[in-house]
């Protein structure tokens, strides 16, 4: 019976805190659940030590216009040796010149000015080199229109005429050295119905040859063909 009562009392003491948690001391729970404070940050590193450069200034021997004595006696003293002056030729050449006169001068001309220097050589002649033209030259269509020798009027397409279509066809061509139209290409057109008749007519056109440095050259130009209903 005593053992049973003791076991019962111990069990009741264990179950009471688990059932009624309000009865536990709050201060101890707070201390158990609160995380410890972080450690303080490390101290900042010490500032770098500035190195002071010592500049040795050599003492000057001359201070303004005053000559100062050196602090130490130099071991070697520099000796400056000057070259001898060339012999003077004033008054003639030693020994004289055959056929000369006493008291003559080396140049043979008695004058206070002396011999005049020779004249400078003439400048070289520069010949203009004509640039050589490679490939065709691009010239505006208005300039080439004034050189047109033979012009064939294009026929109006019947389909475009019935449809009342009018406009312009812009072509690009190379005028050869002989004045014929070469490499004819379409640039733009109001209607595709007008292109073929315009190109067929322009291929038969003939221009005057364009001269560059008195030589015929190929010219790139643009040709405009107008189609207008009468």
C-alpha atoms as a PDB file:
ATOM      1  CA  UNK A   1       0.000   0.000   0.000  1.00  0.00           C
ATOM      2  CA  UNK A   2       2.789   2.447   0.846  1.00  0.00           C
ATOM      3  CA  UNK A   3       4.590   1.707  -2.393  1.00  0.00           C
ATOM      4  CA  UNK A   4       1.382   2.205  -4.324  1.00  0.00           C
ATOM      5  CA  UNK A   5       0.699   5.519  -2.609  1.00  0.00           C
ATOM      6  CA  UNK A   6       4.254   6.722  -3.320  1.00  0.00           C
ATOM      7  CA  UNK A   7       4.009   5.784  -7.010  1.00  0.00           C
ATOM      8  CA  UNK A   8       0.668   7.560  -7.204  1.00  0.00           C
ATOM      9  CA  UNK A   9       2.046  10.701  -5.561  1.00  0.00           C
ATOM     10  CA  UNK A  10       5.080  10.789  -7.887  1.00  0.00           C
ATOM     11  CA  UNK A  11       2.880  10.313 -10.967  1.00  0.00           C
ATOM     12  CA  UNK A  12       0.564  13.118  -9.889  1.00  0.00           C
ATOM     13  CA  UNK A  13       3.608  15.416  -9.393  1.00  0.00           C
ATOM     14  CA  UNK A  14       4.842  14.588 -12.905  1.00  0.00           C
ATOM     15  CA  UNK A  15       1.460  14.973 -14.618  1.00  0.00           C
ATOM     16  CA  UNK A  16       0.497  18.272 -12.966  1.00  0.00           C
ATOM     17  CA  UNK A  17       3.205  20.355 -14.754  1.00  0.00           C
ATOM     18  CA  UNK A  18       2.424  18.708 -18.091  1.00  0.00           C
ATOM     19  CA  UNK A  19      -1.297  19.418 -17.821  1.00  0.00           C
ATOM     20  CA  UNK A  20      -1.216  22.863 -16.199  1.00  0.00           C
ATOM     21  CA  UNK A  21       1.725  24.658 -17.844  1.00  0.00           C
ATOM     22  CA  UNK A  22       0.610  27.961 -16.371  1.00  0.00           C
ATOM     23  CA  UNK A  23       1.857  26.729 -13.054  1.00  0.00           C
ATOM     24  CA  UNK A  24       5.500  26.532 -14.254  1.00  0.00           C
ATOM     25  CA  UNK A  25       7.744  29.516 -13.445  1.00  0.00           C
ATOM     26  CA  UNK A  26       7.846  31.904 -16.461  1.00  0.00           C
ATOM     27  CA  UNK A  27      11.243  33.371 -15.719  1.00  0.00           C
ATOM     28  CA  UNK A  28      12.955  30.039 -16.087  1.00  0.00           C
ATOM     29  CA  UNK A  29      11.171  29.332 -19.411  1.00  0.00           C
ATOM     30  CA  UNK A  30      12.175  32.706 -20.808  1.00  0.00           C
ATOM     31  CA  UNK A  31      15.768  32.115 -19.858  1.00  0.00           C
ATOM     32  CA  UNK A  32      15.731  28.695 -21.462  1.00  0.00           C
ATOM     33  CA  UNK A  33      14.075  29.758 -24.776  1.00  0.00           C
ATOM     34  CA  UNK A  34      15.888  33.106 -25.346  1.00  0.00           C
ATOM     35  CA  UNK A  35      18.943  32.873 -27.656  1.00  0.00           C
ATOM     36  CA  UNK A  36      22.167  34.236 -26.240  1.00  0.00           C
ATOM     37  CA  UNK A  37      23.368  37.655 -27.428  1.00  0.00           C
ATOM     38  CA  UNK A  38      25.857  37.621 -30.362  1.00  0.00           C
ATOM     39  CA  UNK A  39      29.473  38.335 -29.565  1.00  0.00           C
ATOM     40  CA  UNK A  40      30.672  41.935 -30.051  1.00  0.00           C
ATOM     41  CA  UNK A  41      32.314  42.791 -33.435  1.00  0.00           C
ATOM     42  CA  UNK A  42      36.093  42.668 -33.587  1.00  0.00           C
ATOM     43  CA  UNK A  43      37.918  45.970 -33.187  1.00  0.00           C
ATOM     44  CA  UNK A  44      38.896  47.822 -36.433  1.00  0.00           C
ATOM     45  CA  UNK A  45      42.434  47.244 -37.719  1.00  0.00           C
ATOM     46  CA  UNK A  46      45.006  49.869 -36.860  1.00  0.00           C
ATOM     47  CA  UNK A  47      45.659  52.532 -39.568  1.00  0.00           C
ATOM     48  CA  UNK A  48      48.607  51.835 -41.892  1.00  0.00           C
ATOM     49  CA  UNK A  49      51.857  53.431 -40.977  1.00  0.00           C
ATOM     50  CA  UNK A  50      52.832  56.135 -43.461  1.00  0.00           C
ATOM     51  CA  UNK A  51      56.361  55.800 -44.745  1.00  0.00           C
ATOM     52  CA  UNK A  52      58.215  59.083 -44.868  1.00  0.00           C
ATOM     53  CA  UNK A  53      60.692  59.324 -47.744  1.00  0.00           C
ATOM     54  CA  UNK A  54      63.852  61.154 -46.929  1.00  0.00           C
ATOM     55  CA  UNK A  55      65.163  63.161 -49.863  1.00  0.00           C
ATOM     56  CA  UNK A  56      68.818  64.003 -49.715  1.00  0.00           C
ATOM     57  CA  UNK A  57      69.500  67.378 -51.283  1.00  0.00           C
ATOM     58  CA  UNK A  58      73.004  67.831 -52.568  1.00  0.00           C
ATOM     59  CA  UNK A  59      74.519  71.073 -51.358  1.00  0.00           C
ATOM     60  CA  UNK A  60      74.997  73.680 -54.030  1.00  0.00           C
ATOM     61  CA  UNK A  61      78.425  75.085 -54.597  1.00  0.00           C
ATOM     62  CA  UNK A  62      77.007  78.301 -56.014  1.00  0.00           C
ATOM     63  CA  UNK A  63      74.371  80.142 -54.016  1.00  0.00           C
ATOM     64  CA  UNK A  64      73.381  83.063 -56.175  1.00  0.00           C
ATOM     65  CA  UNK A  65      76.617  84.877 -56.930  1.00  0.00           C
ATOM     66  CA  UNK A  66      78.445  83.617 -53.835  1.00  0.00           C
ATOM     67  CA  UNK A  67      80.910  80.719 -54.120  1.00  0.00           C
ATOM     68  CA  UNK A  68      80.695  78.327 -51.182  1.00  0.00           C
ATOM     69  CA  UNK A  69      83.518  76.102 -50.031  1.00  0.00           C
ATOM     70  CA  UNK A  70      82.857  72.347 -50.259  1.00  0.00           C
ATOM     71  CA  UNK A  71      82.257  70.431 -47.027  1.00  0.00           C
ATOM     72  CA  UNK A  72      84.545  67.575 -48.061  1.00  0.00           C
ATOM     73  CA  UNK A  73      87.731  67.634 -50.103  1.00  0.00           C
ATOM     74  CA  UNK A  74      87.139  65.707 -53.367  1.00  0.00           C
ATOM     75  CA  UNK A  75      89.455  62.797 -54.084  1.00  0.00           C
ATOM     76  CA  UNK A  76      89.737  63.580 -57.827  1.00  0.00           C
ATOM     77  CA  UNK A  77      89.823  67.004 -59.400  1.00  0.00           C
ATOM     78  CA  UNK A  78      88.610  67.305 -62.999  1.00  0.00           C
ATOM     79  CA  UNK A  79      91.040  69.064 -65.305  1.00  0.00           C
ATOM     80  CA  UNK A  80      89.534  70.778 -68.372  1.00  0.00           C
ATOM     81  CA  UNK A  81      91.895  70.857 -71.339  1.00  0.00           C
ATOM     82  CA  UNK A  82      90.875  73.153 -74.206  1.00  0.00           C
ATOM     83  CA  UNK A  83      91.868  72.474 -77.818  1.00  0.00           C
ATOM     84  CA  UNK A  84      94.301  74.834 -79.451  1.00  0.00           C
ATOM     85  CA  UNK A  85      92.819  77.427 -81.793  1.00  0.00           C
ATOM     86  CA  UNK A  86      93.464  76.922 -85.527  1.00  0.00           C
ATOM     87  CA  UNK A  87      96.047  79.222 -87.071  1.00  0.00           C
ATOM     88  CA  UNK A  88      94.726  82.481 -88.364  1.00  0.00           C
ATOM     89  CA  UNK A  89      94.753  82.920 -92.131  1.00  0.00           C
ATOM     90  CA  UNK A  90      94.334  86.679 -92.027  1.00  0.00           C
ATOM     91  CA  UNK A  91      97.148  88.323 -93.907  1.00  0.00           C
ATOM     92  CA  UNK A  92      97.788  85.548 -96.454  1.00  0.00           C
ATOM     93  CA  UNK A  93      98.861  81.920 -96.577  1.00  0.00           C
ATOM     94  CA  UNK A  94     102.153  80.997 -94.902  1.00  0.00           C
ATOM     95  CA  UNK A  95     104.833  80.862 -97.596  1.00  0.00           C
ATOM     96  CA  UNK A  96     102.759  82.858-100.086  1.00  0.00           C
ATOM     97  CA  UNK A  97     101.076  81.846-103.313  1.00  0.00           C
ATOM     98  CA  UNK A  98     102.917  81.894-106.678  1.00  0.00           C
ATOM     99  CA  UNK A  99     101.865  85.001-108.534  1.00  0.00           C
ATOM    100  CA  UNK A 100     100.302  86.601-105.449  1.00  0.00           C
ATOM    101  CA  UNK A 101     100.827  90.063-104.039  1.00  0.00           C
ATOM    102  CA  UNK A 102     102.046  90.982-100.574  1.00  0.00           C
ATOM    103  CA  UNK A 103      99.261  91.393 -98.033  1.00  0.00           C
ATOM    104  CA  UNK A 104      96.735  89.455-100.109  1.00  0.00           C
ATOM    105  CA  UNK A 105      93.796  87.492 -98.760  1.00  0.00           C
ATOM    106  CA  UNK A 106      93.072  83.758 -99.205  1.00  0.00           C
ATOM    107  CA  UNK A 107      90.105  84.346-101.536  1.00  0.00           C
ATOM    108  CA  UNK A 108      92.122  86.623-103.807  1.00  0.00           C
ATOM    109  CA  UNK A 109      89.455  89.375-103.597  1.00  0.00           C
ATOM    110  CA  UNK A 110      90.336  92.424-101.551  1.00  0.00           C
ATOM    111  CA  UNK A 111      87.008  93.535-100.159  1.00  0.00           C
ATOM    112  CA  UNK A 112      85.407  94.141 -96.821  1.00  0.00           C
ATOM    113  CA  UNK A 113      82.339  92.119 -97.833  1.00  0.00           C
ATOM    114  CA  UNK A 114      84.069  88.984 -99.123  1.00  0.00           C
ATOM    115  CA  UNK A 115      83.027  86.576-101.837  1.00  0.00           C
ATOM    116  CA  UNK A 116      79.336  86.340-102.586  1.00  0.00           C
ATOM    117  CA  UNK A 117      77.740  82.907-102.075  1.00  0.00           C
ATOM    118  CA  UNK A 118      76.792  80.975-105.203  1.00  0.00           C
ATOM    119  CA  UNK A 119      73.171  81.362-106.369  1.00  0.00           C
ATOM    120  CA  UNK A 120      70.735  78.631-105.258  1.00  0.00           C
ATOM    121  CA  UNK A 121      69.867  75.968-107.809  1.00  0.00           C
ATOM    122  CA  UNK A 122      66.558  76.402-109.645  1.00  0.00           C
ATOM    123  CA  UNK A 123      63.600  74.461-108.194  1.00  0.00           C
ATOM    124  CA  UNK A 124      62.772  71.187-109.936  1.00  0.00           C
ATOM    125  CA  UNK A 125      59.921  71.218-112.405  1.00  0.00           C
ATOM    126  CA  UNK A 126      56.832  69.409-111.175  1.00  0.00           C
ATOM    127  CA  UNK A 127      54.705  67.928-113.917  1.00  0.00           C
ATOM    128  CA  UNK A 128      51.026  67.444-113.159  1.00  0.00           C
ATOM    129  CA  UNK A 129      50.086  63.788-113.410  1.00  0.00           C
ATOM    130  CA  UNK A 130      46.626  63.232-114.757  1.00  0.00           C
ATOM    131  CA  UNK A 131      44.669  60.750-112.633  1.00  0.00           C
ATOM    132  CA  UNK A 132      43.665  57.640-114.452  1.00  0.00           C
ATOM    133  CA  UNK A 133      39.946  56.947-114.334  1.00  0.00           C
ATOM    134  CA  UNK A 134      39.009  53.370-113.500  1.00  0.00           C
ATOM    135  CA  UNK A 135      35.410  52.360-114.124  1.00  0.00           C
ATOM    136  CA  UNK A 136      32.469  54.442-115.303  1.00  0.00           C
ATOM    137  CA  UNK A 137      31.894  58.043-114.160  1.00  0.00           C
ATOM    138  CA  UNK A 138      28.540  58.982-112.631  1.00  0.00           C
ATOM    139  CA  UNK A 139      26.929  62.021-114.290  1.00  0.00           C
ATOM    140  CA  UNK A 140      23.443  63.386-113.813  1.00  0.00           C
ATOM    141  CA  UNK A 141      20.683  62.576-116.251  1.00  0.00           C
ATOM    142  CA  UNK A 142      20.149  66.244-117.163  1.00  0.00           C
ATOM    143  CA  UNK A 143      23.747  66.522-118.421  1.00  0.00           C
ATOM    144  CA  UNK A 144      23.463  63.390-120.523  1.00  0.00           C
ATOM    145  CA  UNK A 145      20.064  64.441-121.943  1.00  0.00           C
ATOM    146  CA  UNK A 146      21.759  67.411-123.627  1.00  0.00           C
ATOM    147  CA  UNK A 147      24.166  65.019-125.407  1.00  0.00           C
ATOM    148  CA  UNK A 148      21.432  62.790-126.811  1.00  0.00           C
ATOM    149  CA  UNK A 149      21.981  62.265-130.548  1.00  0.00           C
ATOM    150  CA  UNK A 150      19.408  59.597-131.434  1.00  0.00           C
ATOM    151  CA  UNK A 151      16.167  59.244-129.475  1.00  0.00           C
ATOM    152  CA  UNK A 152      13.504  56.609-130.167  1.00  0.00           C
ATOM    153  CA  UNK A 153      10.069  57.433-128.732  1.00  0.00           C
ATOM    154  CA  UNK A 154       8.605  54.463-126.839  1.00  0.00           C
ATOM    155  CA  UNK A 155       5.224  53.119-127.981  1.00  0.00           C
ATOM    156  CA  UNK A 156       2.339  53.398-125.551  1.00  0.00           C
ATOM    157  CA  UNK A 157       1.201  49.910-124.396  1.00  0.00           C
ATOM    158  CA  UNK A 158      -2.389  49.289-125.601  1.00  0.00           C
ATOM    159  CA  UNK A 159      -3.443  47.749-122.266  1.00  0.00           C
ATOM    160  CA  UNK A 160      -2.130  50.750-120.305  1.00  0.00           C
ATOM    161  CA  UNK A 161      -3.759  53.105-122.795  1.00  0.00           C
ATOM    162  CA  UNK A 162      -7.131  51.435-122.418  1.00  0.00           C
ATOM    163  CA  UNK A 163      -6.777  51.459-118.627  1.00  0.00           C
ATOM    164  CA  UNK A 164      -5.863  55.188-118.749  1.00  0.00           C
ATOM    165  CA  UNK A 165      -2.537  54.514-116.990  1.00  0.00           C
ATOM    166  CA  UNK A 166       0.164  57.181-117.292  1.00  0.00           C
ATOM    167  CA  UNK A 167       3.355  57.889-115.375  1.00  0.00           C
ATOM    168  CA  UNK A 168       7.155  57.684-115.512  1.00  0.00           C
ATOM    169  CA  UNK A 169       9.764  54.932-115.710  1.00  0.00           C
ATOM    170  CA  UNK A 170      13.176  55.618-114.123  1.00  0.00           C
ATOM    171  CA  UNK A 171      16.053  53.603-115.608  1.00  0.00           C
ATOM    172  CA  UNK A 172      19.783  53.398-114.859  1.00  0.00           C
ATOM    173  CA  UNK A 173      22.245  52.763-117.681  1.00  0.00           C
ATOM    174  CA  UNK A 174      25.901  53.001-118.641  1.00  0.00           C
ATOM    175  CA  UNK A 175      26.698  55.164-121.644  1.00  0.00           C
ATOM    176  CA  UNK A 176      29.670  53.497-123.323  1.00  0.00           C
ATOM    177  CA  UNK A 177      32.657  55.187-124.888  1.00  0.00           C
ATOM    178  CA  UNK A 178      30.939  54.912-128.273  1.00  0.00           C
ATOM    179  CA  UNK A 179      27.716  56.533-126.950  1.00  0.00           C
ATOM    180  CA  UNK A 180      25.541  53.392-126.893  1.00  0.00           C
ATOM    181  CA  UNK A 181      23.327  52.400-123.966  1.00  0.00           C
ATOM    182  CA  UNK A 182      24.632  49.433-121.945  1.00  0.00           C
ATOM    183  CA  UNK A 183      23.604  47.593-118.755  1.00  0.00           C
ATOM    184  CA  UNK A 184      20.088  49.049-118.679  1.00  0.00           C
ATOM    185  CA  UNK A 185      18.361  48.477-115.298  1.00  0.00           C
ATOM    186  CA  UNK A 186      15.002  49.441-113.799  1.00  0.00           C
ATOM    187  CA  UNK A 187      15.048  51.800-110.809  1.00  0.00           C
ATOM    188  CA  UNK A 188      11.351  52.590-110.330  1.00  0.00           C
ATOM    189  CA  UNK A 189       8.102  52.717-112.321  1.00  0.00           C
ATOM    190  CA  UNK A 190       4.566  53.965-111.874  1.00  0.00           C
ATOM    191  CA  UNK A 191       3.142  50.826-113.463  1.00  0.00           C
ATOM    192  CA  UNK A 192       4.775  47.551-114.568  1.00  0.00           C
ATOM    193  CA  UNK A 193       2.872  47.801-117.876  1.00  0.00           C
ATOM    194  CA  UNK A 194       5.110  50.699-118.971  1.00  0.00           C
ATOM    195  CA  UNK A 195       8.521  49.150-118.175  1.00  0.00           C
ATOM    196  CA  UNK A 196       9.150  46.883-121.164  1.00  0.00           C
ATOM    197  CA  UNK A 197       8.240  49.461-123.860  1.00  0.00           C
ATOM    198  CA  UNK A 198      10.419  52.072-122.136  1.00  0.00           C
ATOM    199  CA  UNK A 199      13.435  49.751-121.989  1.00  0.00           C
ATOM    200  CA  UNK A 200      13.027  48.657-125.619  1.00  0.00           C
ATOM    201  CA  UNK A 201      13.078  52.280-126.767  1.00  0.00           C
ATOM    202  CA  UNK A 202      15.989  53.427-124.555  1.00  0.00           C
ATOM    203  CA  UNK A 203      18.233  50.580-125.759  1.00  0.00           C
ATOM    204  CA  UNK A 204      18.183  52.218-129.211  1.00  0.00           C
ATOM    205  CA  UNK A 205      19.258  55.661-127.965  1.00  0.00           C
ATOM    206  CA  UNK A 206      22.711  57.029-128.881  1.00  0.00           C
ATOM    207  CA  UNK A 207      24.657  59.751-126.986  1.00  0.00           C
ATOM    208  CA  UNK A 208      27.735  61.793-127.666  1.00  0.00           C
ATOM    209  CA  UNK A 209      30.834  60.231-126.019  1.00  0.00           C
ATOM    210  CA  UNK A 210      31.780  61.867-122.710  1.00  0.00           C
ATOM    211  CA  UNK A 211      35.394  63.091-122.586  1.00  0.00           C
ATOM    212  CA  UNK A 212      37.541  63.155-119.438  1.00  0.00           C
ATOM    213  CA  UNK A 213      41.053  64.573-119.897  1.00  0.00           C
ATOM    214  CA  UNK A 214      40.362  64.471-123.658  1.00  0.00           C
ATOM    215  CA  UNK A 215      39.682  60.721-123.488  1.00  0.00           C
ATOM    216  CA  UNK A 216      36.255  59.016-123.863  1.00  0.00           C
ATOM    217  CA  UNK A 217      35.017  57.277-120.708  1.00  0.00           C
ATOM    218  CA  UNK A 218      32.006  55.210-119.649  1.00  0.00           C
ATOM    219  CA  UNK A 219      29.299  57.171-117.815  1.00  0.00           C
ATOM    220  CA  UNK A 220      26.636  56.008-115.340  1.00  0.00           C
ATOM    221  CA  UNK A 221      23.408  58.006-115.719  1.00  0.00           C
ATOM    222  CA  UNK A 222      19.690  57.827-114.965  1.00  0.00           C
ATOM    223  CA  UNK A 223      17.101  58.097-117.744  1.00  0.00           C
ATOM    224  CA  UNK A 224      13.482  59.122-117.156  1.00  0.00           C
ATOM    225  CA  UNK A 225      10.813  58.057-119.675  1.00  0.00           C
ATOM    226  CA  UNK A 226       7.425  59.777-119.411  1.00  0.00           C
ATOM    227  CA  UNK A 227       4.140  58.219-120.602  1.00  0.00           C
ATOM    228  CA  UNK A 228       1.379  60.789-120.973  1.00  0.00           C
ATOM    229  CA  UNK A 229      -2.048  60.308-122.563  1.00  0.00           C
ATOM    230  CA  UNK A 230      -2.825  62.862-125.282  1.00  0.00           C
END
